[in-house]
C-alpha atoms as a PDB file:
ATOM      1  CA  UNK A   1       0.000   0.000   0.000  1.00  0.00           C
ATOM      2  CA  UNK A   2       1.275   3.454  -0.889  1.00  0.00           C
ATOM      3  CA  UNK A   3       2.074   5.712   2.044  1.00  0.00           C
ATOM      4  CA  UNK A   4      -0.179   8.766   2.222  1.00  0.00           C
ATOM      5  CA  UNK A   5       1.337  12.175   1.589  1.00  0.00           C
ATOM      6  CA  UNK A   6       0.001  15.566   2.652  1.00  0.00           C
ATOM      7  CA  UNK A   7      -0.389  18.715   0.513  1.00  0.00           C
ATOM      8  CA  UNK A   8       3.335  19.383   0.872  1.00  0.00           C
ATOM      9  CA  UNK A   9       4.154  15.893  -0.354  1.00  0.00           C
ATOM     10  CA  UNK A  10       5.334  14.676   3.051  1.00  0.00           C
ATOM     11  CA  UNK A  11       4.726  11.289   4.614  1.00  0.00           C
ATOM     12  CA  UNK A  12       3.656  11.221   8.266  1.00  0.00           C
ATOM     13  CA  UNK A  13       7.210  10.380   9.393  1.00  0.00           C
ATOM     14  CA  UNK A  14       8.609  13.259   7.325  1.00  0.00           C
ATOM     15  CA  UNK A  15       5.988  15.701   8.660  1.00  0.00           C
ATOM     16  CA  UNK A  16       6.760  14.746  12.263  1.00  0.00           C
ATOM     17  CA  UNK A  17      10.496  15.129  11.603  1.00  0.00           C
ATOM     18  CA  UNK A  18       9.889  18.620  10.150  1.00  0.00           C
ATOM     19  CA  UNK A  19       7.619  19.740  13.041  1.00  0.00           C
ATOM     20  CA  UNK A  20       9.179  22.502  15.185  1.00  0.00           C
ATOM     21  CA  UNK A  21       7.762  22.833  18.713  1.00  0.00           C
ATOM     22  CA  UNK A  22       9.220  26.333  19.034  1.00  0.00           C
ATOM     23  CA  UNK A  23       6.750  27.508  16.372  1.00  0.00           C
ATOM     24  CA  UNK A  24       3.860  26.604  18.685  1.00  0.00           C
ATOM     25  CA  UNK A  25       4.300  28.093  22.182  1.00  0.00           C
ATOM     26  CA  UNK A  26       2.507  26.162  24.891  1.00  0.00           C
ATOM     27  CA  UNK A  27       0.521  27.499  27.834  1.00  0.00           C
ATOM     28  CA  UNK A  28       1.022  26.223  31.365  1.00  0.00           C
ATOM     29  CA  UNK A  29      -1.760  23.800  32.326  1.00  0.00           C
ATOM     30  CA  UNK A  30      -3.441  23.921  35.728  1.00  0.00           C
ATOM     31  CA  UNK A  31      -6.430  22.464  37.540  1.00  0.00           C
ATOM     32  CA  UNK A  32      -8.738  24.286  39.979  1.00  0.00           C
ATOM     33  CA  UNK A  33     -11.218  22.483  42.218  1.00  0.00           C
ATOM     34  CA  UNK A  34     -14.584  23.612  43.691  1.00  0.00           C
ATOM     35  CA  UNK A  35     -15.791  21.528  46.644  1.00  0.00           C
ATOM     36  CA  UNK A  36     -19.311  22.503  47.709  1.00  0.00           C
ATOM     37  CA  UNK A  37     -20.639  21.207  51.054  1.00  0.00           C
ATOM     38  CA  UNK A  38     -24.299  21.107  52.052  1.00  0.00           C
ATOM     39  CA  UNK A  39     -24.672  23.132  55.235  1.00  0.00           C
ATOM     40  CA  UNK A  40     -28.153  23.366  56.711  1.00  0.00           C
ATOM     41  CA  UNK A  41     -30.317  25.110  54.130  1.00  0.00           C
ATOM     42  CA  UNK A  42     -27.345  26.468  52.189  1.00  0.00           C
ATOM     43  CA  UNK A  43     -23.949  25.631  50.741  1.00  0.00           C
ATOM     44  CA  UNK A  44     -20.334  26.291  51.661  1.00  0.00           C
ATOM     45  CA  UNK A  45     -17.271  26.297  49.418  1.00  0.00           C
ATOM     46  CA  UNK A  46     -13.773  25.167  50.351  1.00  0.00           C
ATOM     47  CA  UNK A  47     -11.062  27.751  49.694  1.00  0.00           C
ATOM     48  CA  UNK A  48      -7.382  27.961  50.551  1.00  0.00           C
ATOM     49  CA  UNK A  49      -5.426  31.058  51.499  1.00  0.00           C
ATOM     50  CA  UNK A  50      -2.438  31.372  49.177  1.00  0.00           C
ATOM     51  CA  UNK A  51       0.905  31.023  50.910  1.00  0.00           C
ATOM     52  CA  UNK A  52       2.951  32.247  47.952  1.00  0.00           C
ATOM     53  CA  UNK A  53       2.989  34.738  45.122  1.00  0.00           C
ATOM     54  CA  UNK A  54       1.080  35.721  43.099  1.00  0.00           C
ATOM     55  CA  UNK A  55      -1.912  36.773  45.181  1.00  0.00           C
ATOM     56  CA  UNK A  56      -0.119  36.047  48.467  1.00  0.00           C
ATOM     57  CA  UNK A  57      -2.689  35.983  51.280  1.00  0.00           C
ATOM     58  CA  UNK A  58      -5.715  35.935  48.977  1.00  0.00           C
ATOM     59  CA  UNK A  59      -8.306  33.178  48.984  1.00  0.00           C
ATOM     60  CA  UNK A  60      -8.349  30.776  46.058  1.00  0.00           C
ATOM     61  CA  UNK A  61      -9.676  27.458  44.892  1.00  0.00           C
ATOM     62  CA  UNK A  62      -7.354  24.546  45.617  1.00  0.00           C
ATOM     63  CA  UNK A  63      -5.351  23.773  42.522  1.00  0.00           C
ATOM     64  CA  UNK A  64      -2.071  23.993  40.724  1.00  0.00           C
ATOM     65  CA  UNK A  65       0.128  23.063  37.800  1.00  0.00           C
ATOM     66  CA  UNK A  66       0.041  19.772  35.927  1.00  0.00           C
ATOM     67  CA  UNK A  67       3.192  17.680  36.038  1.00  0.00           C
ATOM     68  CA  UNK A  68       4.668  16.492  32.748  1.00  0.00           C
ATOM     69  CA  UNK A  69       3.033  13.238  31.668  1.00  0.00           C
ATOM     70  CA  UNK A  70       0.120  13.661  34.117  1.00  0.00           C
ATOM     71  CA  UNK A  71      -3.516  13.770  33.032  1.00  0.00           C
ATOM     72  CA  UNK A  72      -5.402  16.885  34.069  1.00  0.00           C
ATOM     73  CA  UNK A  73      -7.806  14.691  36.072  1.00  0.00           C
ATOM     74  CA  UNK A  74      -4.846  13.328  38.034  1.00  0.00           C
ATOM     75  CA  UNK A  75      -3.567  16.886  38.514  1.00  0.00           C
ATOM     76  CA  UNK A  76      -6.888  17.924  40.061  1.00  0.00           C
ATOM     77  CA  UNK A  77      -6.926  14.982  42.484  1.00  0.00           C
ATOM     78  CA  UNK A  78      -3.252  15.449  43.395  1.00  0.00           C
ATOM     79  CA  UNK A  79      -3.507  19.204  43.956  1.00  0.00           C
ATOM     80  CA  UNK A  80      -6.652  18.778  46.080  1.00  0.00           C
ATOM     81  CA  UNK A  81      -4.823  16.232  48.233  1.00  0.00           C
ATOM     82  CA  UNK A  82      -1.620  18.288  48.449  1.00  0.00           C
ATOM     83  CA  UNK A  83      -3.351  21.519  49.473  1.00  0.00           C
ATOM     84  CA  UNK A  84      -6.268  20.243  51.594  1.00  0.00           C
ATOM     85  CA  UNK A  85      -5.453  16.596  52.455  1.00  0.00           C
ATOM     86  CA  UNK A  86      -8.778  15.515  50.881  1.00  0.00           C
ATOM     87  CA  UNK A  87      -8.793  12.398  48.715  1.00  0.00           C
ATOM     88  CA  UNK A  88     -11.176  10.148  46.838  1.00  0.00           C
ATOM     89  CA  UNK A  89     -13.760  12.747  45.845  1.00  0.00           C
ATOM     90  CA  UNK A  90     -15.555  12.315  42.510  1.00  0.00           C
ATOM     91  CA  UNK A  91     -14.613  15.345  40.444  1.00  0.00           C
ATOM     92  CA  UNK A  92     -16.675  16.571  37.495  1.00  0.00           C
ATOM     93  CA  UNK A  93     -15.345  18.876  34.790  1.00  0.00           C
ATOM     94  CA  UNK A  94     -16.817  22.372  35.146  1.00  0.00           C
ATOM     95  CA  UNK A  95     -15.026  24.109  32.302  1.00  0.00           C
ATOM     96  CA  UNK A  96     -11.796  25.302  30.753  1.00  0.00           C
ATOM     97  CA  UNK A  97     -10.521  28.817  31.505  1.00  0.00           C
ATOM     98  CA  UNK A  98      -8.057  30.435  29.134  1.00  0.00           C
ATOM     99  CA  UNK A  99      -8.600  34.201  29.130  1.00  0.00           C
ATOM    100  CA  UNK A 100      -5.378  36.077  28.389  1.00  0.00           C
ATOM    101  CA  UNK A 101      -3.973  37.594  31.577  1.00  0.00           C
ATOM    102  CA  UNK A 102      -5.853  35.281  33.941  1.00  0.00           C
ATOM    103  CA  UNK A 103      -2.531  34.496  35.640  1.00  0.00           C
ATOM    104  CA  UNK A 104       0.135  37.215  36.017  1.00  0.00           C
ATOM    105  CA  UNK A 105       2.909  34.608  35.655  1.00  0.00           C
ATOM    106  CA  UNK A 106       2.060  34.034  32.006  1.00  0.00           C
ATOM    107  CA  UNK A 107      -0.156  32.131  29.595  1.00  0.00           C
ATOM    108  CA  UNK A 108      -2.059  29.651  31.749  1.00  0.00           C
ATOM    109  CA  UNK A 109      -5.038  27.455  30.918  1.00  0.00           C
ATOM    110  CA  UNK A 110      -7.001  25.823  33.726  1.00  0.00           C
ATOM    111  CA  UNK A 111      -9.412  22.903  33.726  1.00  0.00           C
ATOM    112  CA  UNK A 112     -11.823  23.465  36.601  1.00  0.00           C
ATOM    113  CA  UNK A 113     -13.477  20.575  38.438  1.00  0.00           C
ATOM    114  CA  UNK A 114     -16.131  20.410  41.106  1.00  0.00           C
ATOM    115  CA  UNK A 115     -18.187  18.185  43.340  1.00  0.00           C
ATOM    116  CA  UNK A 116     -20.820  18.321  46.068  1.00  0.00           C
ATOM    117  CA  UNK A 117     -20.447  16.666  49.469  1.00  0.00           C
ATOM    118  CA  UNK A 118     -22.710  16.288  52.480  1.00  0.00           C
ATOM    119  CA  UNK A 119     -21.298  18.391  55.294  1.00  0.00           C
ATOM    120  CA  UNK A 120     -17.975  20.128  55.600  1.00  0.00           C
ATOM    121  CA  UNK A 121     -15.045  17.765  55.291  1.00  0.00           C
ATOM    122  CA  UNK A 122     -12.015  18.126  57.556  1.00  0.00           C
ATOM    123  CA  UNK A 123      -9.695  19.994  55.197  1.00  0.00           C
ATOM    124  CA  UNK A 124      -6.172  20.713  56.411  1.00  0.00           C
ATOM    125  CA  UNK A 125      -3.994  23.322  54.700  1.00  0.00           C
ATOM    126  CA  UNK A 126      -0.787  21.813  53.369  1.00  0.00           C
ATOM    127  CA  UNK A 127       1.862  22.327  50.674  1.00  0.00           C
ATOM    128  CA  UNK A 128       1.635  25.958  49.478  1.00  0.00           C
ATOM    129  CA  UNK A 129      -1.762  26.627  51.131  1.00  0.00           C
ATOM    130  CA  UNK A 130      -1.410  28.780  54.266  1.00  0.00           C
ATOM    131  CA  UNK A 131      -4.949  28.067  55.481  1.00  0.00           C
ATOM    132  CA  UNK A 132      -8.078  26.194  54.424  1.00  0.00           C
ATOM    133  CA  UNK A 133     -11.605  27.315  55.191  1.00  0.00           C
ATOM    134  CA  UNK A 134     -15.266  26.900  54.305  1.00  0.00           C
ATOM    135  CA  UNK A 135     -17.171  29.982  53.100  1.00  0.00           C
ATOM    136  CA  UNK A 136     -20.875  30.657  52.600  1.00  0.00           C
ATOM    137  CA  UNK A 137     -22.077  30.476  49.000  1.00  0.00           C
ATOM    138  CA  UNK A 138     -24.511  33.178  47.929  1.00  0.00           C
ATOM    139  CA  UNK A 139     -27.035  31.944  45.339  1.00  0.00           C
ATOM    140  CA  UNK A 140     -29.065  34.937  44.109  1.00  0.00           C
ATOM    141  CA  UNK A 141     -32.254  34.366  42.119  1.00  0.00           C
ATOM    142  CA  UNK A 142     -30.826  36.483  39.282  1.00  0.00           C
ATOM    143  CA  UNK A 143     -27.086  36.637  38.762  1.00  0.00           C
ATOM    144  CA  UNK A 144     -24.023  34.526  39.414  1.00  0.00           C
ATOM    145  CA  UNK A 145     -23.200  32.711  42.638  1.00  0.00           C
ATOM    146  CA  UNK A 146     -20.470  34.115  44.852  1.00  0.00           C
ATOM    147  CA  UNK A 147     -18.825  33.495  48.229  1.00  0.00           C
ATOM    148  CA  UNK A 148     -18.785  35.597  51.374  1.00  0.00           C
ATOM    149  CA  UNK A 149     -15.218  36.449  52.367  1.00  0.00           C
ATOM    150  CA  UNK A 150     -14.047  38.281  55.498  1.00  0.00           C
ATOM    151  CA  UNK A 151     -13.922  42.080  55.283  1.00  0.00           C
ATOM    152  CA  UNK A 152     -11.059  43.260  53.096  1.00  0.00           C
ATOM    153  CA  UNK A 153     -10.277  39.797  51.681  1.00  0.00           C
ATOM    154  CA  UNK A 154     -10.483  38.898  47.992  1.00  0.00           C
ATOM    155  CA  UNK A 155     -10.343  35.980  45.591  1.00  0.00           C
ATOM    156  CA  UNK A 156      -7.287  35.276  43.459  1.00  0.00           C
ATOM    157  CA  UNK A 157      -7.104  34.908  39.688  1.00  0.00           C
ATOM    158  CA  UNK A 158     -10.446  34.450  37.880  1.00  0.00           C
ATOM    159  CA  UNK A 159     -11.795  32.193  40.609  1.00  0.00           C
ATOM    160  CA  UNK A 160     -14.994  34.231  41.044  1.00  0.00           C
ATOM    161  CA  UNK A 161     -15.972  33.228  37.485  1.00  0.00           C
ATOM    162  CA  UNK A 162     -15.050  29.580  38.057  1.00  0.00           C
ATOM    163  CA  UNK A 163     -17.088  29.516  41.288  1.00  0.00           C
ATOM    164  CA  UNK A 164     -20.111  31.047  39.564  1.00  0.00           C
ATOM    165  CA  UNK A 165     -19.909  28.514  36.724  1.00  0.00           C
ATOM    166  CA  UNK A 166     -19.395  25.567  39.088  1.00  0.00           C
ATOM    167  CA  UNK A 167     -22.342  26.607  41.259  1.00  0.00           C
ATOM    168  CA  UNK A 168     -24.576  26.942  38.194  1.00  0.00           C
ATOM    169  CA  UNK A 169     -23.617  23.441  37.111  1.00  0.00           C
ATOM    170  CA  UNK A 170     -23.550  21.626  40.461  1.00  0.00           C
ATOM    171  CA  UNK A 171     -25.986  23.378  42.832  1.00  0.00           C
END
């Protein structure tokens, strides 16, 4: 059988040999995780306080960078365990976030995951998380969901958007 050639006349082996990675810059890949806990008549969301830059001291979703050769699903589970000591939760894809400038360190794309649990789990801050805490989720009749943070505190990155999307999907 004759080997197929593309419009440039190259075989697959020749095309792969000619491919130049430097012509296609790659973004960093991260995972962010929303854990919602049923609390009485409402919901709470697990956040971590960032222990490093950027957004030092701000509240954020647990998450972090994918390791080379790791699936993004494995990244989400690993980062959740590393930052909160929680394991074995079923995580559902919420969405992919890729807006330019979403991370001041550079081009970063995040796959966000979420789940619902009954009651607040015993999360313990670890790795680069300075603190872990559960925060009330506000679910307005019209408009996106949000969380109630202490006076003067704020969310890092584009996590307000991820939280709103996750709440719309999961709650």
